[in-house]
Structures are given as structure tokens and as C-alpha cells.
Amino acid sequence: MSEFTVAICTYRRVDVLPDTMASLAAVDQPDADWDLLVVDNACDPRVERITREFVDRLPVRYTSESQVGIARARNHAVGSTEAPVIIFADDDVLFDRKWLRAMIGSVRRHDECDFWGGRIEPLWQIDRPAWFDMQRCPMLGDSIVRYDLGDTPRAWRSDEDPEFYTCNLALRTDAVREAGMFDVSLGHQGCGRGGGEDSWMIRSIRQAGGSGWYAADALLRHPVPASRLTRRHARAFAWWQGRVGVDMLRREHADDLCPAGRTPRWLYRVAVEQMLAGLASWTTGTVCRDAGLAFAGQFNALFNFSKLYHAFRR
């Protein structure tokens, strides 16, 4: 039985998966028994063929999950390993050479924790446009899958730190099972965009008394193609996140609200205030020809309008 399983869940990403696996094959080997599990969420024979090409370079296993959905694929991975710790990574990342040793080292040094999240740096494939200003609009960093709490490893703070992404996340498998596994109603569904399955898992483990660690030295890089640096992609992300935010809020307050799942009234007031503030920034940025300010306002206005839309829709 392996001590660690690295799990890569993939859905028709045969264009990038070989580079990700080649990058993993080049990492410094840890002093640990580990294996790689590739979960094919489209039952694509090309994925199995790519996996076979790496059997001499990686301790790799192939499996498939016929029911589409990233949460289902992650649950399949958890059910397909006997390792006490499973380390999730995306199918389009590039691993730092020290990544695996650093992640395993964090798990061993902080075995009081139940989850350990690593740093994710963007790898820009084109120059960032002027409107893409992560200082003014931090959520734009989420739209390209970026996670950076600094260079210093430390305990994860539930009251101020964002939840980790399964792009670079180790989880105690027993903690995942005790939390009820990943919620299959959340996350990407094939080509359908979604999210939140990783955030909800972290929240569930934390609510059960679990703790986490920020493994700053467990670094991987996430390529940012031109398609993710378009206003259209950012606006779509703002809309998805508004829906996910309302869904998360309802789940968190399910025991307090009547009827169960109703949106707290304060959300409407806060969302309206923030939407109006976003519209003001959008207008000011447009008048002043400040592309970063204008789009930050547009993004925040759309994000909060999405919250209101999905809250009323219930």
C-alpha cells in the first residue's frame, strides 16, 4: 500500500495532460512510497494511451469514471486508493522539481492537520492586458487558478485565508470520507463550468474540527492561456462565482434558516450595496480611461448581480 497517492482527474484534456505528466516525472523523488492515479472522466481511450506511455517513468495507474463531473472523479480517486493521504493536482499544471518532496514533507511535519494546500503561481502565456488588475480585483486571480499566501509556510487560518484549490491540495482520505465525500452537485460537469466542491470539502473538514497547513514550498505553476485572459472569460467567472457563493451561503446556514436553504436577508442588502459600488467604479474608470478600475467595477457589479439573481431564483 502506498503512503501517498497523487491523483490527476482529467476530462478530455489530451492536449495538456502529457506535459503535466512529463513535468511530474521530472520532480525530485521523495523518500516515500507513492503512486499516481489518473482518473479519466470521459472514458477517452487517448487518456489511457497517454497514461501507458509513462509507465516506465511514473508509478502510474489508470482508472475511469463514467459519470461526468469533477466531484465524481475526485470521489472515484478517493475510493480507488488505500493511501492515508491523497494529493490532488490539475491536469494542466507544471510541477516545480521540489513539489512532491515539499508536499510530503509538510504532511509528515504537520501530521496533526487534515489538509495541506500548496502555492499556485500563474504561468503567463501572453502579456496581461491592462484591464486585468488583480490588485483592484483579487477575484481575477481565482479566475486563472492562483493561490499565494506568501513564501512562508504556516498554519492555515480559517477566519482569513481562502480555501485551498484541489489544483494543489493534499487531504487525509479518512477526513474526506468522514465529511461525506465531495458534493457531486458542485464543481465542473464536463464542459459545464462550476466550482465550489473543493471549498465545500475544506469547510466540511474544518467544521468537523480539522485543521490545515499552507505549504508555501510545495509550488506548481498553472499556465494561463490567452483564452483565460479575455473579458468574456472573466465575466463568465464572475457569474459562476455569484451562483456558487449563494449556494455556499445557503449550505452554511441550512440549520439556522426556515425553511432550510433560504438565503439570509442580509445578503440582499450587502449584494445591492456592493453592486452599486461596482457600478460607480465602472463608471469612474470608464470616464477616467482607467481600464483596470473600470473592469474591476464591472466584475464586482456582475458578481453581486449574480448573487441577487440566484438568491431570488432559489
Protein backbone atom coordinates (compact mmCIF):
# COMPACT_ATOMS: atom_id res chain seq x y z
CA MET A 1 0.00 0.00 0.00
CA SER A 2 1.31 3.44 -0.95
CA GLU A 3 1.73 6.08 1.70
CA PHE A 4 0.63 8.81 -0.72
CA THR A 5 -1.46 8.85 -3.88
CA VAL A 6 -1.18 11.74 -6.32
CA ALA A 7 -4.48 11.98 -8.20
CA ILE A 8 -4.99 13.78 -11.51
CA CYS A 9 -8.60 13.92 -12.70
CA THR A 10 -8.98 14.78 -16.37
CA TYR A 11 -11.79 15.45 -18.81
CA ARG A 12 -10.76 15.44 -22.48
CA ARG A 13 -7.54 17.39 -21.87
CA VAL A 14 -5.29 15.21 -24.02
CA ASP A 15 -3.58 18.33 -25.36
CA VAL A 16 -2.09 19.29 -21.99
CA LEU A 17 -2.04 16.07 -19.97
CA PRO A 18 1.25 14.75 -21.47
CA ASP A 19 3.11 17.92 -20.42
CA THR A 20 1.70 17.68 -16.90
CA MET A 21 2.76 14.04 -16.54
CA ALA A 22 6.19 14.72 -18.01
CA SER A 23 6.61 17.53 -15.51
CA LEU A 24 5.67 15.19 -12.65
CA ALA A 25 8.10 12.57 -13.93
CA ALA A 26 10.90 15.14 -13.60
CA VAL A 27 10.34 16.04 -9.92
CA ASP A 28 12.84 15.12 -7.23
CA GLN A 29 11.83 11.78 -5.78
CA PRO A 30 10.77 11.75 -2.13
CA ASP A 31 11.75 9.22 0.49
CA ALA A 32 8.25 7.77 0.44
CA ASP A 33 6.15 5.13 -1.27
CA TRP A 34 3.76 6.93 -3.63
CA ASP A 35 1.76 6.30 -6.76
CA LEU A 36 0.00 8.36 -9.42
CA LEU A 37 -3.66 7.76 -10.20
CA VAL A 38 -5.08 9.20 -13.42
CA VAL A 39 -8.88 9.37 -13.34
CA ASP A 40 -10.36 9.68 -16.82
CA ASN A 41 -13.76 11.36 -16.53
CA ALA A 42 -14.65 10.90 -20.18
CA CYS A 43 -13.56 7.27 -20.74
CA ASP A 44 -11.38 8.58 -23.55
CA PRO A 45 -9.05 5.90 -24.97
CA ARG A 46 -6.49 8.59 -25.70
CA VAL A 47 -6.10 9.26 -21.97
CA GLU A 48 -5.41 5.60 -21.29
CA ARG A 49 -2.88 5.58 -24.12
CA ILE A 50 -1.10 8.66 -22.70
CA THR A 51 -1.02 7.00 -19.27
CA ARG A 52 0.59 3.86 -20.68
CA GLU A 53 3.35 5.98 -22.23
CA PHE A 54 4.51 6.92 -18.72
CA VAL A 55 4.55 3.53 -17.02
CA ASP A 56 8.34 3.42 -17.19
CA ARG A 57 8.73 6.92 -15.73
CA LEU A 58 5.97 7.12 -13.14
CA PRO A 59 4.27 4.69 -10.71
CA VAL A 60 1.05 5.34 -12.59
CA ARG A 61 -2.36 3.67 -12.58
CA TYR A 62 -5.25 4.43 -14.91
CA THR A 63 -8.92 4.32 -13.98
CA SER A 64 -12.08 5.85 -15.40
CA GLU A 65 -15.26 7.37 -14.03
CA SER A 66 -18.12 7.22 -16.50
CA GLN A 67 -20.39 9.66 -14.66
CA VAL A 68 -19.34 13.13 -15.71
CA GLY A 69 -18.45 15.65 -13.00
CA ILE A 70 -15.22 16.66 -11.33
CA ALA A 71 -16.58 15.86 -7.86
CA ARG A 72 -17.49 12.35 -9.03
CA ALA A 73 -14.00 11.93 -10.44
CA ARG A 74 -12.45 13.06 -7.17
CA ASN A 75 -14.68 10.66 -5.22
CA HIS A 76 -13.61 7.88 -7.59
CA ALA A 77 -9.98 8.72 -6.83
CA VAL A 78 -10.58 8.57 -3.08
CA GLY A 79 -12.37 5.25 -3.49
CA SER A 80 -9.53 3.87 -5.61
CA THR A 81 -6.71 4.38 -3.12
CA GLU A 82 -5.76 2.83 0.18
CA ALA A 83 -3.20 5.56 0.87
CA PRO A 84 -3.90 7.58 4.04
CA VAL A 85 -3.21 10.82 2.13
CA ILE A 86 -4.35 11.75 -1.37
CA ILE A 87 -2.76 14.69 -3.19
CA PHE A 88 -4.86 16.27 -5.92
CA ALA A 89 -3.37 18.19 -8.83
CA ASP A 90 -4.94 19.52 -12.02
CA ASP A 91 -4.34 18.03 -15.44
CA ASP A 92 -2.82 21.21 -16.92
CA VAL A 93 -0.17 22.21 -14.38
CA LEU A 94 3.62 22.15 -14.36
CA PHE A 95 5.28 20.91 -11.17
CA ASP A 96 8.27 22.54 -9.55
CA ARG A 97 11.07 19.99 -9.17
CA LYS A 98 10.80 20.16 -5.36
CA TRP A 99 6.99 19.99 -5.30
CA LEU A 100 6.42 16.38 -4.27
CA ARG A 101 9.16 16.32 -1.63
CA ALA A 102 7.89 19.60 -0.22
CA MET A 103 4.27 18.46 -0.06
CA ILE A 104 5.11 15.13 1.52
CA GLY A 105 7.46 16.88 3.94
CA SER A 106 4.67 19.23 5.01
CA VAL A 107 2.29 16.33 5.59
CA ARG A 108 4.83 14.49 7.71
CA ARG A 109 5.94 17.51 9.73
CA HIS A 110 2.37 18.64 10.38
CA ASP A 111 0.56 15.36 10.75
CA GLU A 112 -1.86 16.98 13.20
CA CYS A 113 -3.55 18.52 10.15
CA ASP A 114 -6.15 17.04 7.82
CA PHE A 115 -5.39 19.09 4.69
CA TRP A 116 -2.32 20.78 3.23
CA GLY A 117 -2.51 23.27 0.38
CA GLY A 118 0.35 24.35 -1.84
CA ARG A 119 1.20 27.53 -3.70
CA ILE A 120 -0.04 28.03 -7.27
CA GLU A 121 1.74 30.54 -9.49
CA PRO A 122 0.35 31.68 -12.84
CA LEU A 123 2.48 30.95 -15.88
CA TRP A 124 1.54 33.70 -18.31
CA GLN A 125 1.46 32.65 -21.94
CA ILE A 126 0.71 36.18 -23.17
CA ASP A 127 1.17 39.61 -21.62
CA ARG A 128 -1.56 40.55 -19.20
CA PRO A 129 -3.98 43.12 -20.63
CA ALA A 130 -4.30 46.45 -18.84
CA TRP A 131 -7.80 45.68 -17.57
CA PHE A 132 -6.61 42.51 -15.78
CA ASP A 133 -5.66 44.12 -12.47
CA MET A 134 -5.55 41.63 -9.59
CA GLN A 135 -4.73 44.37 -7.08
CA ARG A 136 -8.02 46.12 -7.74
CA CYS A 137 -9.97 42.92 -8.32
CA PRO A 138 -8.41 39.99 -6.37
CA MET A 139 -11.03 37.54 -7.69
CA LEU A 140 -9.40 37.78 -11.10
CA GLY A 141 -6.63 35.70 -9.53
CA ASP A 142 -9.22 33.00 -8.83
CA SER A 143 -10.32 33.07 -12.47
CA ILE A 144 -6.86 31.87 -13.53
CA VAL A 145 -6.38 29.50 -10.55
CA ARG A 146 -3.83 31.36 -8.44
CA TYR A 147 -3.14 30.70 -4.75
CA ASP A 148 -0.41 32.59 -2.93
CA LEU A 149 -0.28 33.40 0.78
CA GLY A 150 3.40 34.30 0.61
CA ASP A 151 6.72 32.48 0.75
CA THR A 152 6.49 31.36 4.38
CA PRO A 153 4.81 28.05 5.31
CA ARG A 154 2.34 28.45 8.17
CA ALA A 155 -0.88 27.20 9.68
CA TRP A 156 -3.93 27.86 7.54
CA ARG A 157 -6.23 30.43 9.18
CA SER A 158 -9.88 29.61 8.69
CA ASP A 159 -11.02 33.10 9.63
CA GLU A 160 -8.98 34.95 6.99
CA ASP A 161 -7.42 32.62 4.40
CA PRO A 162 -9.31 31.47 1.29
CA GLU A 163 -9.97 27.76 0.96
CA PHE A 164 -7.38 25.78 -0.97
CA TYR A 165 -7.89 24.57 -4.52
CA THR A 166 -7.73 20.89 -5.42
CA CYS A 167 -5.32 22.08 -8.10
CA ASN A 168 -2.65 21.63 -5.39
CA LEU A 169 -4.12 20.02 -2.29
CA ALA A 170 -3.35 17.06 -0.04
CA LEU A 171 -6.18 15.59 2.02
CA ARG A 172 -6.35 12.92 4.66
CA THR A 173 -8.53 10.31 2.96
CA ASP A 174 -10.35 9.39 6.16
CA ALA A 175 -11.25 13.05 6.65
CA VAL A 176 -12.74 13.17 3.14
CA ARG A 177 -14.82 10.06 3.81
CA GLU A 178 -15.98 11.35 7.18
CA ALA A 179 -17.03 14.61 5.51
CA GLY A 180 -19.30 12.65 3.18
CA MET A 181 -17.02 12.81 0.10
CA PHE A 182 -17.09 15.62 -2.48
CA ASP A 183 -20.54 17.03 -3.19
CA VAL A 184 -21.43 15.88 -6.72
CA SER A 185 -23.84 18.79 -7.21
CA LEU A 186 -20.85 21.15 -7.18
CA GLY A 187 -17.87 21.60 -9.49
CA HIS A 188 -17.44 21.36 -13.24
CA GLN A 189 -19.78 18.99 -15.03
CA GLY A 190 -17.90 18.02 -18.16
CA CYS A 191 -17.80 21.15 -20.32
CA GLY A 192 -20.26 22.85 -17.99
CA ARG A 193 -18.49 25.29 -15.70
CA GLY A 194 -18.96 25.20 -11.95
CA GLY A 195 -16.94 25.21 -8.79
CA GLY A 196 -17.00 25.05 -5.05
CA GLU A 197 -16.54 21.33 -4.49
CA ASP A 198 -13.05 21.89 -3.08
CA SER A 199 -14.08 24.87 -0.94
CA TRP A 200 -17.01 22.95 0.49
CA MET A 201 -14.78 19.98 1.32
CA ILE A 202 -12.35 22.23 3.22
CA ARG A 203 -15.23 23.86 5.09
CA SER A 204 -16.75 20.48 5.96
CA ILE A 205 -13.47 19.14 7.33
CA ARG A 206 -12.88 22.36 9.26
CA GLN A 207 -16.38 22.30 10.75
CA ALA A 208 -15.68 18.77 11.95
CA GLY A 209 -12.66 20.08 13.86
CA GLY A 210 -9.98 19.57 11.21
CA SER A 211 -7.11 21.95 10.55
CA GLY A 212 -4.90 22.83 7.60
CA TRP A 213 -1.40 23.90 6.64
CA TYR A 214 -0.17 26.25 3.92
CA ALA A 215 2.75 24.50 2.20
CA ALA A 216 4.35 27.53 0.54
CA ASP A 217 7.27 25.48 -0.77
CA ALA A 218 5.00 22.92 -2.49
CA LEU A 219 4.87 25.00 -5.65
CA LEU A 220 3.31 24.31 -9.00
CA ARG A 221 2.65 26.59 -11.95
CA HIS A 222 -0.65 26.92 -13.73
CA PRO A 223 -0.41 28.00 -17.39
CA VAL A 224 -2.68 30.92 -18.26
CA PRO A 225 -3.60 30.70 -21.96
CA ALA A 226 -4.94 33.63 -23.93
CA SER A 227 -8.47 32.24 -23.63
CA ARG A 228 -8.42 32.90 -19.88
CA LEU A 229 -7.31 36.49 -20.32
CA THR A 230 -10.44 37.71 -22.06
CA ARG A 231 -13.17 39.87 -20.61
CA ARG A 232 -15.68 37.25 -21.67
CA HIS A 233 -14.00 34.56 -19.56
CA ALA A 234 -13.71 36.90 -16.56
CA ARG A 235 -17.36 37.93 -16.80
CA ALA A 236 -18.45 34.30 -17.03
CA PHE A 237 -16.34 33.52 -13.97
CA ALA A 238 -17.95 36.39 -12.03
CA TRP A 239 -21.39 34.99 -12.86
CA TRP A 240 -20.45 31.42 -11.82
CA GLN A 241 -18.93 32.65 -8.60
CA GLY A 242 -22.04 34.59 -7.71
CA ARG A 243 -24.09 31.42 -8.04
CA VAL A 244 -21.58 29.35 -6.10
CA GLY A 245 -21.40 32.00 -3.36
CA VAL A 246 -25.16 31.89 -2.81
CA ASP A 247 -25.15 28.10 -2.82
CA MET A 248 -22.36 28.01 -0.21
CA LEU A 249 -24.16 30.52 1.98
CA ARG A 250 -27.37 28.51 1.94
CA ARG A 251 -25.48 25.37 2.86
CA GLU A 252 -23.69 27.05 5.75
CA HIS A 253 -26.95 28.41 7.17
CA ALA A 254 -29.11 25.39 6.44
CA ASP A 255 -29.54 24.59 10.16
CA ASP A 256 -30.39 28.17 11.09
CA LEU A 257 -32.84 29.12 8.38
CA CYS A 258 -36.50 28.36 7.97
CA PRO A 259 -37.27 26.99 5.51
CA ALA A 260 -33.95 25.18 5.14
CA GLY A 261 -31.79 26.56 2.36
CA ARG A 262 -33.32 30.04 2.35
CA THR A 263 -30.92 32.90 1.66
CA PRO A 264 -30.17 35.13 4.68
CA ARG A 265 -31.81 38.55 4.29
CA TRP A 266 -28.59 40.44 4.88
CA LEU A 267 -27.15 39.06 1.63
CA TYR A 268 -29.60 41.12 -0.43
CA ARG A 269 -28.57 44.36 1.26
CA VAL A 270 -24.84 43.64 1.01
CA ALA A 271 -25.08 42.49 -2.61
CA VAL A 272 -27.02 45.62 -3.62
CA GLU A 273 -24.51 47.89 -1.87
CA GLN A 274 -21.54 46.16 -3.49
CA MET A 275 -23.20 46.07 -6.90
CA LEU A 276 -23.80 49.83 -6.74
CA ALA A 277 -20.19 50.37 -5.63
CA GLY A 278 -19.05 48.28 -8.59
CA LEU A 279 -21.19 50.31 -10.99
CA ALA A 280 -19.67 53.51 -9.57
CA SER A 281 -16.12 52.19 -10.08
CA TRP A 282 -17.00 51.02 -13.57
CA THR A 283 -18.31 54.50 -14.44
CA THR A 284 -15.36 56.30 -12.88
CA GLY A 285 -12.84 54.03 -14.58
CA THR A 286 -14.54 54.49 -17.95
CA VAL A 287 -14.65 58.29 -17.64
CA CYS A 288 -11.00 58.42 -16.48
CA ARG A 289 -9.90 55.85 -19.08
CA ASP A 290 -8.56 53.61 -16.35
CA ALA A 291 -9.07 50.11 -17.77
CA GLY A 292 -8.16 48.32 -14.54
CA LEU A 293 -10.58 50.31 -12.39
CA ALA A 294 -13.34 50.10 -14.99
CA PHE A 295 -13.20 46.34 -15.33
CA ALA A 296 -12.81 45.76 -11.59
CA GLY A 297 -16.06 47.70 -11.16
CA GLN A 298 -17.75 45.78 -13.95
CA PHE A 299 -16.62 42.45 -12.49
CA ASN A 300 -17.84 43.29 -8.97
CA ALA A 301 -21.15 44.63 -10.26
CA LEU A 302 -21.78 41.45 -12.25
CA PHE A 303 -20.65 39.20 -9.38
CA ASN A 304 -23.11 40.80 -6.99
CA PHE A 305 -25.92 40.96 -9.56
CA SER A 306 -25.40 37.19 -9.99
CA LYS A 307 -25.75 36.78 -6.21
CA LEU A 308 -29.06 38.67 -6.27
CA TYR A 309 -30.33 36.75 -9.29
CA HIS A 310 -29.59 33.35 -7.80
CA ALA A 311 -30.78 34.37 -4.34
CA PHE A 312 -34.17 35.46 -5.69
CA ARG A 313 -34.35 32.44 -8.01
CA ARG A 314 -33.97 29.82 -5.22
